[in-house]
């Protein structure tokens, strides 16, 4: 017997689902749901633009590509993270370099990041996990000192305000 699972969607959730279904998945006067989400996300984070993607892996891949990461480049990522962080680096033809994590938070260790930097290093990819945020002030300083890009994987904290919003402008 098939149960009615419609009870899971109430209030605004149901309203937005019905709006998408009624629109035939097309754009409306107010834009598509993606455009509305992008505007709201940018507003929340105090930036001009936000771009949606179909997954976190695709988002990381897009970010790496936008920075020109390619074959032979290295990207420093934490040794404890989901496989997709490394996959997104490989998708660019680059090499993931694994930095140790801190034993108390399991987040990337900024001291080990510095040990892993070579002439091939193009970016650092800190991953915020388990409700904890990486030490972005220190990581940003390391990146600036070494002229590296930083790509934060915020999949577990995407609605948290950036730790250092000035570093994004």
N, C-alpha and C. Protein backbone atom coordinates (compact mmCIF):
# COMPACT_ATOMS: atom_id res chain seq x y z
N UNK A 1 0.83 -1.17 0.00
CA UNK A 1 0.00 0.00 0.00
C UNK A 1 0.88 1.25 0.00
N UNK A 2 0.60 2.18 -0.88
CA UNK A 2 1.37 3.43 -0.97
C UNK A 2 0.81 4.44 0.02
N UNK A 3 1.71 4.97 0.85
CA UNK A 3 1.29 5.96 1.83
C UNK A 3 1.45 7.36 1.26
N UNK A 4 0.60 8.27 1.72
CA UNK A 4 0.69 9.66 1.32
C UNK A 4 1.79 10.33 2.15
N UNK A 5 2.86 10.75 1.50
CA UNK A 5 3.98 11.38 2.20
C UNK A 5 3.90 12.91 2.12
N UNK A 6 2.80 13.46 1.61
CA UNK A 6 2.64 14.89 1.45
C UNK A 6 2.74 15.68 2.73
N UNK A 7 2.51 15.03 3.86
CA UNK A 7 2.58 15.70 5.16
C UNK A 7 3.97 16.25 5.44
N UNK A 8 4.98 15.74 4.76
CA UNK A 8 6.35 16.21 4.99
C UNK A 8 6.56 17.65 4.51
N UNK A 9 5.73 18.08 3.60
CA UNK A 9 5.88 19.41 3.03
C UNK A 9 4.72 20.28 3.47
N UNK A 10 5.01 21.26 4.32
CA UNK A 10 3.98 22.14 4.83
C UNK A 10 4.44 23.59 4.68
N UNK A 11 3.55 24.51 4.90
CA UNK A 11 3.91 25.94 4.89
C UNK A 11 4.60 26.37 3.61
N UNK A 12 5.70 27.10 3.75
CA UNK A 12 6.42 27.62 2.59
C UNK A 12 6.99 26.52 1.71
N UNK A 13 7.40 25.39 2.29
CA UNK A 13 7.92 24.30 1.48
C UNK A 13 6.90 23.87 0.43
N UNK A 14 5.69 23.62 0.90
CA UNK A 14 4.62 23.18 -0.01
C UNK A 14 4.29 24.28 -1.03
N UNK A 15 4.23 25.52 -0.54
CA UNK A 15 3.94 26.66 -1.42
C UNK A 15 4.98 26.74 -2.56
N UNK A 16 6.26 26.60 -2.22
CA UNK A 16 7.32 26.71 -3.24
C UNK A 16 7.31 25.51 -4.18
N UNK A 17 7.05 24.32 -3.66
CA UNK A 17 6.96 23.14 -4.53
C UNK A 17 5.82 23.30 -5.52
N UNK A 18 4.66 23.73 -5.02
CA UNK A 18 3.51 23.93 -5.90
C UNK A 18 3.79 25.03 -6.93
N UNK A 19 4.51 26.07 -6.54
CA UNK A 19 4.86 27.14 -7.47
C UNK A 19 5.74 26.62 -8.61
N UNK A 20 6.71 25.78 -8.27
CA UNK A 20 7.58 25.20 -9.30
C UNK A 20 6.78 24.29 -10.22
N UNK A 21 5.96 23.42 -9.64
CA UNK A 21 5.17 22.50 -10.45
C UNK A 21 4.18 23.25 -11.34
N UNK A 22 3.54 24.27 -10.81
CA UNK A 22 2.57 25.05 -11.58
C UNK A 22 3.23 25.82 -12.71
N UNK A 23 4.45 26.27 -12.49
CA UNK A 23 5.15 27.06 -13.52
C UNK A 23 5.68 26.19 -14.65
N UNK A 24 5.60 24.87 -14.49
CA UNK A 24 6.16 23.99 -15.51
C UNK A 24 7.67 24.02 -15.49
N UNK A 25 8.26 24.39 -14.37
CA UNK A 25 9.71 24.47 -14.18
C UNK A 25 10.34 25.59 -15.00
N UNK A 26 9.53 26.51 -15.48
CA UNK A 26 10.05 27.63 -16.28
C UNK A 26 10.29 28.85 -15.43
N UNK A 27 10.89 29.85 -16.05
CA UNK A 27 11.14 31.12 -15.36
C UNK A 27 9.83 31.89 -15.26
N UNK A 28 9.72 32.67 -14.22
CA UNK A 28 8.54 33.51 -14.04
C UNK A 28 9.00 34.95 -13.94
N UNK A 29 8.07 35.85 -13.68
CA UNK A 29 8.42 37.27 -13.55
C UNK A 29 9.48 37.48 -12.47
N UNK A 30 9.40 36.70 -11.42
CA UNK A 30 10.36 36.85 -10.32
C UNK A 30 11.60 36.00 -10.52
N UNK A 31 11.69 35.28 -11.63
CA UNK A 31 12.86 34.43 -11.90
C UNK A 31 12.62 33.01 -11.45
N UNK A 32 13.54 32.12 -11.81
CA UNK A 32 13.42 30.73 -11.40
C UNK A 32 13.75 30.60 -9.91
N UNK A 33 13.41 29.46 -9.35
CA UNK A 33 13.75 29.22 -7.94
C UNK A 33 15.26 29.31 -7.74
N UNK A 34 16.03 28.82 -8.70
CA UNK A 34 17.49 28.93 -8.57
C UNK A 34 17.93 30.38 -8.48
N UNK A 35 17.38 31.21 -9.35
CA UNK A 35 17.75 32.63 -9.32
C UNK A 35 17.36 33.27 -8.00
N UNK A 36 16.18 32.91 -7.51
CA UNK A 36 15.74 33.46 -6.22
C UNK A 36 16.65 32.99 -5.09
N UNK A 37 17.03 31.72 -5.12
CA UNK A 37 17.94 31.19 -4.11
C UNK A 37 19.30 31.90 -4.19
N UNK A 38 19.80 32.08 -5.40
CA UNK A 38 21.09 32.76 -5.57
C UNK A 38 21.05 34.18 -5.01
N UNK A 39 19.99 34.91 -5.32
CA UNK A 39 19.87 36.28 -4.79
C UNK A 39 19.82 36.30 -3.27
N UNK A 40 19.03 35.40 -2.70
CA UNK A 40 18.89 35.36 -1.24
C UNK A 40 20.20 34.95 -0.57
N UNK A 41 20.87 33.98 -1.14
CA UNK A 41 22.15 33.51 -0.60
C UNK A 41 23.18 34.63 -0.64
N UNK A 42 23.25 35.35 -1.76
CA UNK A 42 24.18 36.48 -1.88
C UNK A 42 23.84 37.56 -0.85
N UNK A 43 22.56 37.81 -0.68
CA UNK A 43 22.13 38.81 0.30
C UNK A 43 22.55 38.41 1.72
N UNK A 44 22.31 37.17 2.08
CA UNK A 44 22.66 36.67 3.41
C UNK A 44 24.17 36.82 3.67
N UNK A 45 24.96 36.55 2.63
CA UNK A 45 26.42 36.57 2.79
C UNK A 45 27.05 37.91 2.44
N UNK A 46 26.24 38.89 2.05
CA UNK A 46 26.77 40.22 1.78
C UNK A 46 27.69 40.30 0.58
N UNK A 47 27.39 39.49 -0.46
CA UNK A 47 28.18 39.51 -1.69
C UNK A 47 27.25 39.83 -2.86
N UNK A 48 27.85 40.23 -3.99
CA UNK A 48 27.04 40.61 -5.15
C UNK A 48 26.36 39.42 -5.82
N UNK A 49 27.06 38.29 -5.91
CA UNK A 49 26.56 37.17 -6.70
C UNK A 49 26.72 35.85 -5.96
N UNK A 50 25.87 34.90 -6.31
CA UNK A 50 25.99 33.51 -5.87
C UNK A 50 25.53 32.66 -7.05
N UNK A 51 26.13 31.50 -7.20
CA UNK A 51 25.80 30.62 -8.32
C UNK A 51 25.49 29.24 -7.76
N UNK A 52 24.34 28.69 -8.15
CA UNK A 52 23.97 27.36 -7.70
C UNK A 52 24.54 26.31 -8.65
N UNK A 53 24.65 25.10 -8.15
CA UNK A 53 25.09 23.96 -8.95
C UNK A 53 24.30 22.74 -8.47
N UNK A 54 24.43 21.64 -9.18
CA UNK A 54 23.64 20.46 -8.84
C UNK A 54 24.19 19.66 -7.68
N UNK A 55 25.43 19.93 -7.26
CA UNK A 55 26.01 19.19 -6.13
C UNK A 55 27.22 19.94 -5.59
N UNK A 56 27.64 19.55 -4.39
CA UNK A 56 28.84 20.13 -3.82
C UNK A 56 30.07 19.79 -4.64
N UNK A 57 30.13 18.57 -5.18
CA UNK A 57 31.26 18.17 -6.00
C UNK A 57 31.36 19.06 -7.24
N UNK A 58 30.23 19.29 -7.90
CA UNK A 58 30.23 20.17 -9.07
C UNK A 58 30.65 21.59 -8.69
N UNK A 59 30.19 22.04 -7.53
CA UNK A 59 30.53 23.38 -7.08
C UNK A 59 32.04 23.52 -6.88
N UNK A 60 32.65 22.52 -6.24
CA UNK A 60 34.10 22.57 -6.04
C UNK A 60 34.83 22.52 -7.37
N UNK A 61 34.35 21.70 -8.29
CA UNK A 61 34.96 21.59 -9.62
C UNK A 61 34.88 22.93 -10.36
N UNK A 62 33.72 23.56 -10.30
CA UNK A 62 33.54 24.88 -10.94
C UNK A 62 34.51 25.89 -10.33
N UNK A 63 34.59 25.90 -9.00
CA UNK A 63 35.48 26.86 -8.32
C UNK A 63 36.94 26.63 -8.71
N UNK A 64 37.36 25.38 -8.73
CA UNK A 64 38.74 25.07 -9.11
C UNK A 64 39.01 25.50 -10.56
N UNK A 65 38.07 25.19 -11.45
CA UNK A 65 38.23 25.60 -12.85
C UNK A 65 38.29 27.12 -12.99
N UNK A 66 37.47 27.82 -12.22
CA UNK A 66 37.44 29.28 -12.32
C UNK A 66 38.76 29.90 -11.91
N UNK A 67 39.52 29.18 -11.10
CA UNK A 67 40.83 29.67 -10.66
C UNK A 67 41.96 29.17 -11.54
N UNK A 68 41.61 28.43 -12.59
CA UNK A 68 42.63 27.95 -13.52
C UNK A 68 43.42 26.76 -13.03
N UNK A 69 42.88 26.03 -12.04
CA UNK A 69 43.56 24.83 -11.55
C UNK A 69 43.50 23.77 -12.64
N UNK A 70 44.65 23.19 -12.97
CA UNK A 70 44.69 22.23 -14.06
C UNK A 70 45.78 21.20 -13.88
N UNK A 71 46.08 20.46 -14.95
CA UNK A 71 47.07 19.38 -14.89
C UNK A 71 48.41 19.86 -14.31
N UNK A 72 48.91 19.06 -13.37
CA UNK A 72 50.19 19.36 -12.74
C UNK A 72 50.10 20.25 -11.52
N UNK A 73 48.98 20.94 -11.34
CA UNK A 73 48.81 21.79 -10.16
C UNK A 73 48.51 20.92 -8.94
N UNK A 74 48.75 21.48 -7.77
CA UNK A 74 48.44 20.80 -6.53
C UNK A 74 47.44 21.63 -5.73
N UNK A 75 46.53 20.94 -5.05
CA UNK A 75 45.55 21.58 -4.17
C UNK A 75 45.64 20.88 -2.83
N UNK A 76 45.87 21.65 -1.78
CA UNK A 76 45.99 21.09 -0.43
C UNK A 76 44.59 20.93 0.16
N UNK A 77 44.28 19.69 0.59
CA UNK A 77 42.98 19.39 1.20
C UNK A 77 43.23 18.62 2.49
N UNK A 78 42.25 18.58 3.39
CA UNK A 78 42.46 17.83 4.63
C UNK A 78 42.50 16.33 4.39
N UNK A 79 43.25 15.63 5.23
CA UNK A 79 43.33 14.18 5.10
C UNK A 79 42.06 13.48 5.57
N UNK A 80 41.24 14.18 6.34
CA UNK A 80 39.95 13.63 6.75
C UNK A 80 38.85 14.49 6.12
N UNK A 81 38.28 13.97 5.08
CA UNK A 81 37.19 14.66 4.38
C UNK A 81 36.48 13.64 3.50
N UNK A 82 35.41 14.06 2.88
CA UNK A 82 34.71 13.17 1.95
C UNK A 82 35.55 13.02 0.68
N UNK A 83 35.41 11.91 0.01
CA UNK A 83 36.21 11.63 -1.18
C UNK A 83 36.01 12.65 -2.29
N UNK A 84 34.83 13.27 -2.33
CA UNK A 84 34.52 14.19 -3.43
C UNK A 84 35.46 15.39 -3.48
N UNK A 85 36.03 15.78 -2.34
CA UNK A 85 36.98 16.90 -2.36
C UNK A 85 38.19 16.53 -3.23
N UNK A 86 38.70 15.34 -3.02
CA UNK A 86 39.81 14.86 -3.87
C UNK A 86 39.37 14.64 -5.30
N UNK A 87 38.15 14.10 -5.49
CA UNK A 87 37.64 13.86 -6.84
C UNK A 87 37.57 15.15 -7.64
N UNK A 88 37.11 16.24 -7.00
CA UNK A 88 36.98 17.51 -7.73
C UNK A 88 38.34 18.02 -8.18
N UNK A 89 39.37 17.77 -7.39
CA UNK A 89 40.73 18.16 -7.77
C UNK A 89 41.18 17.31 -8.96
N UNK A 90 40.95 16.00 -8.87
CA UNK A 90 41.33 15.08 -9.97
C UNK A 90 40.60 15.43 -11.26
N UNK A 91 39.32 15.86 -11.14
CA UNK A 91 38.56 16.22 -12.33
C UNK A 91 39.24 17.34 -13.12
N UNK A 92 40.02 18.15 -12.45
CA UNK A 92 40.75 19.24 -13.11
C UNK A 92 42.10 18.77 -13.64
N UNK A 93 42.45 17.54 -13.36
CA UNK A 93 43.76 17.03 -13.75
C UNK A 93 44.83 17.38 -12.73
N UNK A 94 44.43 17.98 -11.62
CA UNK A 94 45.39 18.38 -10.59
C UNK A 94 45.56 17.26 -9.57
N UNK A 95 46.46 17.49 -8.62
CA UNK A 95 46.81 16.48 -7.62
C UNK A 95 46.38 16.95 -6.24
N UNK A 96 45.54 16.16 -5.55
CA UNK A 96 45.20 16.52 -4.17
C UNK A 96 46.38 16.19 -3.25
N UNK A 97 46.75 17.13 -2.42
CA UNK A 97 47.82 16.94 -1.45
C UNK A 97 47.15 16.97 -0.07
N UNK A 98 47.31 15.90 0.69
CA UNK A 98 46.58 15.76 1.95
C UNK A 98 47.37 16.30 3.12
N UNK A 99 46.78 17.29 3.81
CA UNK A 99 47.37 17.85 5.02
C UNK A 99 46.74 17.19 6.23
N UNK A 100 47.52 17.07 7.29
CA UNK A 100 47.02 16.49 8.53
C UNK A 100 45.89 17.34 9.10
N UNK A 101 45.10 16.72 9.97
CA UNK A 101 44.02 17.42 10.65
C UNK A 101 44.36 17.55 12.14
N UNK A 102 43.69 18.48 12.79
CA UNK A 102 43.87 18.68 14.22
C UNK A 102 43.14 17.59 14.99
N UNK A 103 43.75 17.07 16.03
CA UNK A 103 43.17 15.94 16.76
C UNK A 103 41.93 16.32 17.56
N UNK A 104 41.76 17.60 17.90
CA UNK A 104 40.61 17.99 18.71
C UNK A 104 39.38 18.37 17.89
N UNK A 105 39.57 18.78 16.62
CA UNK A 105 38.44 19.19 15.79
C UNK A 105 38.30 18.39 14.50
N UNK A 106 39.35 17.69 14.12
CA UNK A 106 39.42 16.94 12.86
C UNK A 106 39.41 17.86 11.63
N UNK A 107 39.72 19.14 11.82
CA UNK A 107 39.80 20.11 10.73
C UNK A 107 41.25 20.25 10.28
N UNK A 108 41.45 20.74 9.06
CA UNK A 108 42.77 20.87 8.49
C UNK A 108 43.69 21.68 9.41
N UNK A 109 44.92 21.21 9.55
CA UNK A 109 45.91 21.83 10.43
C UNK A 109 46.69 22.89 9.64
N UNK A 110 46.52 24.16 9.97
CA UNK A 110 47.21 25.22 9.24
C UNK A 110 48.74 25.04 9.22
N UNK A 111 49.31 24.51 10.30
CA UNK A 111 50.77 24.30 10.33
C UNK A 111 51.19 23.28 9.29
N UNK A 112 50.37 22.24 9.11
CA UNK A 112 50.71 21.23 8.11
C UNK A 112 50.47 21.75 6.69
N UNK A 113 49.52 22.66 6.54
CA UNK A 113 49.32 23.29 5.22
C UNK A 113 50.64 23.90 4.77
N UNK A 114 51.25 24.66 5.66
CA UNK A 114 52.52 25.33 5.32
C UNK A 114 53.60 24.33 4.93
N UNK A 115 53.60 23.16 5.57
CA UNK A 115 54.59 22.12 5.26
C UNK A 115 54.38 21.51 3.87
N UNK A 116 53.14 21.55 3.39
CA UNK A 116 52.78 20.89 2.13
C UNK A 116 52.92 21.79 0.90
N UNK A 117 53.13 23.08 1.08
CA UNK A 117 53.19 24.01 -0.05
C UNK A 117 54.46 23.79 -0.87
N UNK A 118 54.27 23.67 -2.19
CA UNK A 118 55.39 23.55 -3.13
C UNK A 118 55.19 24.58 -4.24
N UNK A 119 56.09 24.58 -5.20
CA UNK A 119 55.95 25.50 -6.34
C UNK A 119 54.76 25.13 -7.21
N UNK A 120 54.24 23.91 -7.07
CA UNK A 120 53.09 23.46 -7.86
C UNK A 120 51.76 23.76 -7.17
N UNK A 121 51.79 24.17 -5.91
CA UNK A 121 50.56 24.42 -5.16
C UNK A 121 49.83 25.62 -5.74
N UNK A 122 48.56 25.43 -6.04
CA UNK A 122 47.74 26.49 -6.62
C UNK A 122 46.65 26.96 -5.66
N UNK A 123 46.19 26.05 -4.77
CA UNK A 123 45.07 26.41 -3.90
C UNK A 123 45.08 25.58 -2.63
N UNK A 124 44.34 26.08 -1.64
CA UNK A 124 44.09 25.38 -0.39
C UNK A 124 42.58 25.21 -0.30
N UNK A 125 42.14 23.99 0.06
CA UNK A 125 40.70 23.72 0.17
C UNK A 125 40.37 23.27 1.60
N UNK A 126 40.15 24.21 2.52
CA UNK A 126 39.72 23.81 3.85
C UNK A 126 38.27 23.30 3.80
N UNK A 127 37.97 22.33 4.65
CA UNK A 127 36.63 21.74 4.69
C UNK A 127 36.10 21.88 6.11
N UNK A 128 35.02 22.64 6.26
CA UNK A 128 34.38 22.81 7.56
C UNK A 128 33.52 21.58 7.81
N UNK A 129 33.70 20.95 8.99
CA UNK A 129 32.97 19.70 9.26
C UNK A 129 32.50 19.62 10.70
N UNK A 130 31.51 18.79 10.90
CA UNK A 130 31.01 18.45 12.23
C UNK A 130 30.59 19.69 13.03
N UNK A 131 30.11 20.70 12.34
CA UNK A 131 29.68 21.92 13.00
C UNK A 131 30.83 22.84 13.38
N UNK A 132 32.04 22.49 12.99
CA UNK A 132 33.21 23.31 13.28
C UNK A 132 33.69 24.02 12.02
N UNK A 133 34.25 25.19 12.22
CA UNK A 133 34.81 25.94 11.09
C UNK A 133 36.33 25.99 11.23
N UNK A 134 37.01 25.85 10.10
CA UNK A 134 38.47 25.90 10.08
C UNK A 134 38.95 27.28 10.51
N UNK A 135 40.21 27.37 10.87
CA UNK A 135 40.84 28.63 11.26
C UNK A 135 41.12 29.44 9.99
N UNK A 136 40.07 30.10 9.48
CA UNK A 136 40.18 30.79 8.19
C UNK A 136 41.09 32.02 8.24
N UNK A 137 41.21 32.65 9.39
CA UNK A 137 42.13 33.79 9.46
C UNK A 137 43.56 33.34 9.21
N UNK A 138 43.98 32.26 9.85
CA UNK A 138 45.33 31.74 9.64
C UNK A 138 45.50 31.19 8.23
N UNK A 139 44.51 30.45 7.76
CA UNK A 139 44.61 29.87 6.40
C UNK A 139 44.67 30.98 5.36
N UNK A 140 43.87 32.02 5.53
CA UNK A 140 43.90 33.14 4.59
C UNK A 140 45.26 33.83 4.60
N UNK A 141 45.85 33.99 5.77
CA UNK A 141 47.19 34.59 5.87
C UNK A 141 48.23 33.74 5.14
N UNK A 142 48.16 32.43 5.33
CA UNK A 142 49.08 31.51 4.64
C UNK A 142 48.91 31.64 3.14
N UNK A 143 47.66 31.68 2.69
CA UNK A 143 47.37 31.79 1.26
C UNK A 143 47.91 33.10 0.69
N UNK A 144 47.67 34.20 1.37
CA UNK A 144 48.16 35.50 0.88
C UNK A 144 49.67 35.52 0.80
N UNK A 145 50.32 35.01 1.85
CA UNK A 145 51.78 34.99 1.90
C UNK A 145 52.37 34.19 0.73
N UNK A 146 51.68 33.14 0.32
CA UNK A 146 52.17 32.26 -0.73
C UNK A 146 51.47 32.46 -2.07
N UNK A 147 50.63 33.50 -2.16
CA UNK A 147 49.90 33.82 -3.40
C UNK A 147 49.07 32.62 -3.89
N UNK A 148 48.31 32.03 -2.96
CA UNK A 148 47.46 30.88 -3.28
C UNK A 148 45.99 31.26 -3.15
N UNK A 149 45.16 30.55 -3.87
CA UNK A 149 43.71 30.73 -3.76
C UNK A 149 43.19 29.84 -2.65
N UNK A 150 42.04 30.22 -2.08
CA UNK A 150 41.39 29.41 -1.06
C UNK A 150 39.97 29.10 -1.54
N UNK A 151 39.62 27.82 -1.49
CA UNK A 151 38.28 27.38 -1.84
C UNK A 151 37.73 26.67 -0.61
N UNK A 152 36.76 27.27 0.06
CA UNK A 152 36.18 26.67 1.26
C UNK A 152 35.07 25.71 0.88
N UNK A 153 35.14 24.50 1.40
CA UNK A 153 34.03 23.55 1.27
C UNK A 153 33.15 23.77 2.50
N UNK A 154 32.04 24.44 2.28
CA UNK A 154 31.12 24.80 3.37
C UNK A 154 29.85 23.97 3.33
N UNK A 155 29.90 22.78 2.75
CA UNK A 155 28.69 21.98 2.60
C UNK A 155 28.01 21.71 3.94
N UNK A 156 28.78 21.63 5.02
CA UNK A 156 28.18 21.36 6.32
C UNK A 156 27.85 22.63 7.09
N UNK A 157 28.09 23.79 6.48
CA UNK A 157 27.79 25.04 7.20
C UNK A 157 27.47 26.17 6.23
N UNK A 158 26.79 25.88 5.14
CA UNK A 158 26.58 26.86 4.08
C UNK A 158 25.79 28.08 4.50
N UNK A 159 25.01 28.02 5.55
CA UNK A 159 24.26 29.20 5.95
C UNK A 159 24.91 29.95 7.10
N UNK A 160 26.10 29.50 7.53
CA UNK A 160 26.83 30.25 8.54
C UNK A 160 27.48 31.45 7.88
N UNK A 161 27.57 32.58 8.59
CA UNK A 161 28.24 33.73 7.99
C UNK A 161 29.72 33.44 7.81
N UNK A 162 30.35 34.00 6.76
CA UNK A 162 31.78 33.76 6.56
C UNK A 162 32.58 34.25 7.75
N UNK A 163 33.65 33.53 8.07
CA UNK A 163 34.47 33.91 9.22
C UNK A 163 35.24 35.20 8.95
N UNK A 164 35.54 35.46 7.71
CA UNK A 164 36.28 36.66 7.35
C UNK A 164 35.72 37.20 6.03
N UNK A 165 34.57 37.90 6.08
CA UNK A 165 33.91 38.29 4.83
C UNK A 165 34.77 39.19 3.94
N UNK A 166 35.69 39.92 4.50
CA UNK A 166 36.53 40.80 3.69
C UNK A 166 37.42 39.99 2.74
N UNK A 167 37.72 38.74 3.10
CA UNK A 167 38.59 37.93 2.24
C UNK A 167 37.89 37.50 0.96
N UNK A 168 36.55 37.69 0.88
CA UNK A 168 35.80 37.27 -0.30
C UNK A 168 35.58 38.40 -1.28
N UNK A 169 35.97 39.60 -0.93
CA UNK A 169 35.67 40.74 -1.78
C UNK A 169 36.86 41.17 -2.56
